[in-house]
Amino acid sequence: MNDLVISEETAIAPSEIFLDGESITEFDLFSQVDKLLSDMAESGNDVAVDNAIDNLIGVQSFSGKALSRIIYGQFGWYKTVHPEVDYFEHYTEKHGGKKITVQRHVSIGDFLTNVDVPEGIKQRNSRDILPIAKALEGGFDIDAETWEELEIASDDTEIRDILRKSQGKEPRKGSLQIYMETDGSLTAWYDGKPSNVGWLNIADSESSPIVKKAINRIVENTGISIK
């Protein structure tokens, strides 16, 4: 499926969900899948299976964005009603996961409710949206030409390339943003000026759980944007 989870970890899905009071269980869904596969084997026709795959891809895409929007809404509510509460701590204690994942959901939710973002861009999957959302958070203005390029970009790799070229322009003055490149190097932007501030040992993060955990904690607690 092309809307990949924005967390490093896959959460365990509930075996039963409720939509508008109606119960849908994992058993119901799997039973329908098994029936489609059985019909395909008997008929020699896979059109219905192809249609089901398209539908499931679509459900995964919009359900992920719906989760981002509801998390963003709750985040805003906590800021207003319970400003003394660390929302990210609250969320992870209540629902599990990592703070950085919740922060990404908040970024995407903010992006989806931004009236200045073209609707066509909002239709993209979460993986494509995240780097654009982070660029806006970092104080970068995106002009009309760049929006057009982003809308027709083939995937998130092309989106990141477009943003890198666009971010050669100065960010909004007064905003400080720290970016971590794929090699772990850190660049801080302030008042349109970049400064190298060091690096994190990404190369060893896959082989060393301690290094990986330390990097995750640094990123979570400092608001570093990952490119």
Protein backbone atom coordinates (compact mmCIF):
# COMPACT_ATOMS: atom_id res chain seq x y z
CA MET A 1 0.00 0.00 0.00
CA ASN A 2 1.35 3.40 -0.95
CA ASP A 3 0.45 5.41 2.17
CA LEU A 4 3.15 4.13 4.46
CA VAL A 5 2.89 4.43 8.21
CA ILE A 6 4.78 7.49 9.48
CA SER A 7 6.01 5.65 12.54
CA GLU A 8 9.03 3.35 12.72
CA GLU A 9 6.85 0.86 14.56
CA THR A 10 3.59 -0.76 13.50
CA ALA A 11 0.90 -0.53 16.12
CA ILE A 12 -1.37 -3.49 16.84
CA ALA A 13 -4.71 -2.77 15.20
CA PRO A 14 -7.93 -3.23 17.20
CA SER A 15 -9.92 -6.36 16.33
CA GLU A 16 -13.14 -4.33 16.38
CA ILE A 17 -13.89 -0.73 15.51
CA PHE A 18 -17.04 1.35 15.65
CA LEU A 19 -18.07 3.75 12.90
CA ASP A 20 -21.19 5.80 13.62
CA GLY A 21 -22.35 3.16 16.07
CA GLU A 22 -21.83 0.25 13.66
CA SER A 23 -19.38 -2.49 14.59
CA ILE A 24 -16.86 -3.72 12.03
CA THR A 25 -14.63 -6.56 13.13
CA GLU A 26 -11.40 -7.92 11.73
CA PHE A 27 -13.26 -11.19 11.20
CA ASP A 28 -15.87 -9.43 9.01
CA LEU A 29 -13.18 -7.87 6.84
CA PHE A 30 -11.10 -11.01 6.50
CA SER A 31 -14.19 -13.06 5.68
CA GLN A 32 -14.96 -10.71 2.80
CA VAL A 33 -11.35 -10.92 1.61
CA ASP A 34 -11.45 -14.72 1.70
CA LYS A 35 -14.69 -14.70 -0.30
CA LEU A 36 -13.19 -12.42 -2.95
CA LEU A 37 -10.14 -14.70 -3.24
CA SER A 38 -12.36 -17.79 -3.47
CA ASP A 39 -14.50 -16.19 -6.18
CA MET A 40 -11.35 -15.24 -8.10
CA ALA A 41 -10.09 -18.84 -7.96
CA GLU A 42 -13.43 -20.20 -9.19
CA SER A 43 -14.10 -17.63 -11.90
CA GLY A 44 -10.56 -16.97 -13.11
CA ASN A 45 -11.36 -13.24 -12.96
CA ASP A 46 -9.50 -10.89 -10.61
CA VAL A 47 -11.37 -7.63 -11.37
CA ALA A 48 -13.19 -7.67 -8.00
CA VAL A 49 -9.92 -8.31 -6.17
CA ASP A 50 -8.24 -5.40 -7.98
CA ASN A 51 -11.16 -3.16 -7.01
CA ALA A 52 -10.91 -4.28 -3.38
CA ILE A 53 -7.17 -3.52 -3.34
CA ASP A 54 -7.83 -0.01 -4.65
CA ASN A 55 -10.50 0.48 -1.99
CA LEU A 56 -8.25 -0.72 0.84
CA ILE A 57 -5.42 1.54 -0.34
CA GLY A 58 -7.86 4.45 -0.30
CA VAL A 59 -9.12 3.58 3.18
CA GLN A 60 -5.57 3.37 4.51
CA SER A 61 -4.74 6.76 3.01
CA PHE A 62 -7.69 8.74 4.33
CA SER A 63 -7.84 6.95 7.69
CA GLY A 64 -4.22 7.91 8.36
CA LYS A 65 -4.95 11.55 7.56
CA ALA A 66 -8.15 11.43 9.64
CA LEU A 67 -6.04 10.25 12.59
CA SER A 68 -3.66 13.18 12.06
CA ARG A 69 -6.54 15.65 12.01
CA ILE A 70 -8.12 14.33 15.19
CA ILE A 71 -4.77 14.25 17.00
CA TYR A 72 -4.10 17.83 15.88
CA GLY A 73 -7.53 18.90 17.12
CA GLN A 74 -6.98 17.28 20.50
CA PHE A 75 -3.49 18.81 20.69
CA GLY A 76 -5.00 22.28 20.18
CA TRP A 77 -7.69 21.59 22.78
CA TYR A 78 -5.07 20.61 25.36
CA LYS A 79 -3.06 23.76 24.64
CA THR A 80 -6.15 25.86 25.40
CA VAL A 81 -7.89 23.90 28.17
CA HIS A 82 -4.97 22.11 29.84
CA PRO A 83 -1.83 24.10 28.97
CA GLU A 84 -0.03 22.57 31.93
CA VAL A 85 -0.21 19.10 30.35
CA ASP A 86 2.51 17.79 28.02
CA TYR A 87 0.20 16.55 25.29
CA PHE A 88 2.77 14.28 23.67
CA GLU A 89 3.48 12.62 27.00
CA HIS A 90 -0.25 12.28 27.62
CA TYR A 91 -0.87 10.73 24.21
CA THR A 92 1.89 8.15 24.43
CA GLU A 93 0.81 7.13 27.93
CA LYS A 94 -2.78 6.75 26.77
CA HIS A 95 -2.33 5.24 23.31
CA GLY A 96 1.28 4.08 23.12
CA GLY A 97 3.77 4.87 20.35
CA LYS A 98 6.54 7.46 20.26
CA LYS A 99 6.39 11.19 20.77
CA ILE A 100 8.02 11.86 17.41
CA THR A 101 5.18 9.96 15.70
CA VAL A 102 2.58 12.07 17.49
CA GLN A 103 4.49 15.23 16.56
CA ARG A 104 4.37 14.16 12.92
CA HIS A 105 0.63 13.60 13.16
CA VAL A 106 0.25 17.11 14.60
CA SER A 107 2.31 18.54 11.74
CA ILE A 108 0.16 16.76 9.15
CA GLY A 109 -3.08 17.73 10.91
CA ASP A 110 -2.01 21.37 10.96
CA PHE A 111 -1.17 21.12 7.27
CA LEU A 112 -4.56 19.61 6.40
CA THR A 113 -6.42 22.44 8.15
CA ASN A 114 -4.29 25.19 6.57
CA VAL A 115 -6.55 27.13 4.17
CA ASP A 116 -3.51 28.36 2.21
CA VAL A 117 -2.55 24.83 1.14
CA PRO A 118 -3.99 23.80 -2.26
CA GLU A 119 -6.64 21.09 -1.97
CA GLY A 120 -4.85 18.92 -4.51
CA ILE A 121 -1.81 18.71 -2.24
CA LYS A 122 -4.00 17.69 0.70
CA GLN A 123 -5.15 14.66 -1.29
CA ARG A 124 -1.64 13.20 -1.28
CA ASN A 125 -0.73 10.50 1.21
CA SER A 126 0.77 11.22 4.63
CA ARG A 127 4.31 10.29 3.60
CA ASP A 128 4.21 12.89 0.81
CA ILE A 129 2.60 15.54 3.00
CA LEU A 130 5.01 15.34 5.94
CA PRO A 131 8.10 17.00 4.38
CA ILE A 132 5.92 19.83 3.02
CA ALA A 133 4.33 20.33 6.44
CA LYS A 134 7.77 20.43 8.06
CA ALA A 135 8.99 22.99 5.53
CA LEU A 136 6.07 25.29 6.37
CA GLU A 137 6.71 24.81 10.08
CA GLY A 138 10.32 25.80 9.48
CA GLY A 139 9.23 29.22 8.24
CA PHE A 140 9.59 28.66 4.50
CA ASP A 141 7.11 30.25 2.13
CA ILE A 142 6.07 28.13 -0.85
CA ASP A 143 5.25 30.08 -3.98
CA ALA A 144 2.60 29.21 -6.58
CA GLU A 145 5.10 27.65 -8.97
CA THR A 146 6.48 25.37 -6.28
CA TRP A 147 2.97 24.32 -5.22
CA GLU A 148 2.30 23.28 -8.82
CA GLU A 149 5.50 21.22 -8.90
CA LEU A 150 4.64 19.57 -5.60
CA GLU A 151 1.15 18.66 -6.77
CA ILE A 152 2.42 16.68 -9.76
CA ALA A 153 5.48 15.18 -8.04
CA SER A 154 5.60 11.39 -8.43
CA ASP A 155 6.58 10.51 -4.85
CA ASP A 156 8.05 11.83 -1.60
CA THR A 157 11.60 11.61 -2.96
CA GLU A 158 10.76 14.05 -5.73
CA ILE A 159 8.88 16.22 -3.23
CA ARG A 160 11.98 16.46 -1.03
CA ASP A 161 14.09 17.40 -4.06
CA ILE A 162 11.64 20.16 -4.98
CA LEU A 163 11.64 21.46 -1.40
CA ARG A 164 15.44 21.47 -1.21
CA LYS A 165 15.58 23.69 -4.29
CA SER A 166 12.79 25.88 -2.95
CA GLN A 167 14.42 26.15 0.46
CA GLY A 168 17.44 27.74 -1.13
CA LYS A 169 15.33 30.83 -0.56
CA GLU A 170 15.34 32.49 2.84
CA PRO A 171 12.90 31.29 5.50
CA ARG A 172 10.67 33.80 7.25
CA LYS A 173 12.76 36.01 9.51
CA GLY A 174 12.69 35.34 13.22
CA SER A 175 12.14 31.58 12.92
CA LEU A 176 14.76 29.05 13.99
CA GLN A 177 14.63 25.61 12.42
CA ILE A 178 17.09 22.75 12.73
CA TYR A 179 17.23 20.15 9.96
CA MET A 180 18.81 16.73 10.08
CA GLU A 181 19.94 15.29 6.76
CA THR A 182 19.93 11.57 6.00
CA ASP A 183 23.63 11.38 6.95
CA GLY A 184 22.90 12.88 10.38
CA SER A 185 24.35 16.34 9.74
CA LEU A 186 22.50 19.19 11.46
CA THR A 187 21.87 22.62 9.95
CA ALA A 188 20.22 25.50 11.80
CA TRP A 189 18.44 28.27 9.88
CA TYR A 190 17.77 31.65 11.47
CA ASP A 191 16.93 34.93 9.77
CA GLY A 192 17.67 33.31 6.43
CA LYS A 193 21.17 32.20 7.38
CA PRO A 194 22.26 28.52 7.67
CA SER A 195 24.76 27.35 10.25
CA ASN A 196 26.24 23.89 10.66
CA VAL A 197 25.63 22.78 14.25
CA GLY A 198 27.08 19.27 14.22
CA TRP A 199 25.80 15.81 13.45
CA LEU A 200 24.12 12.73 14.92
CA ASN A 201 25.59 9.28 14.43
CA ILE A 202 22.90 7.91 12.10
CA ALA A 203 25.32 5.40 10.57
CA ASP A 204 25.44 3.36 13.79
CA SER A 205 21.77 3.75 14.72
CA GLU A 206 20.68 0.54 13.00
CA SER A 207 23.30 -1.62 14.68
CA SER A 208 23.20 0.03 18.11
CA PRO A 209 19.88 0.24 20.01
CA ILE A 210 21.48 2.70 22.43
CA VAL A 211 22.50 5.09 19.64
CA LYS A 212 19.07 4.78 18.02
CA LYS A 213 17.26 5.49 21.29
CA ALA A 214 19.52 8.45 22.05
CA ILE A 215 18.96 9.99 18.60
CA ASN A 216 15.19 9.52 18.91
CA ARG A 217 15.21 11.27 22.27
CA ILE A 218 17.26 14.19 20.95
CA VAL A 219 14.98 14.60 17.93
CA GLU A 220 11.80 14.36 20.04
CA ASN A 221 12.94 16.88 22.62
CA THR A 222 14.45 19.53 20.33
CA GLY A 223 12.00 19.78 17.45
CA ILE A 224 14.56 18.80 14.82
CA SER A 225 13.01 18.34 11.38
CA ILE A 226 14.07 15.25 9.47
CA LYS A 227 14.70 15.61 5.76
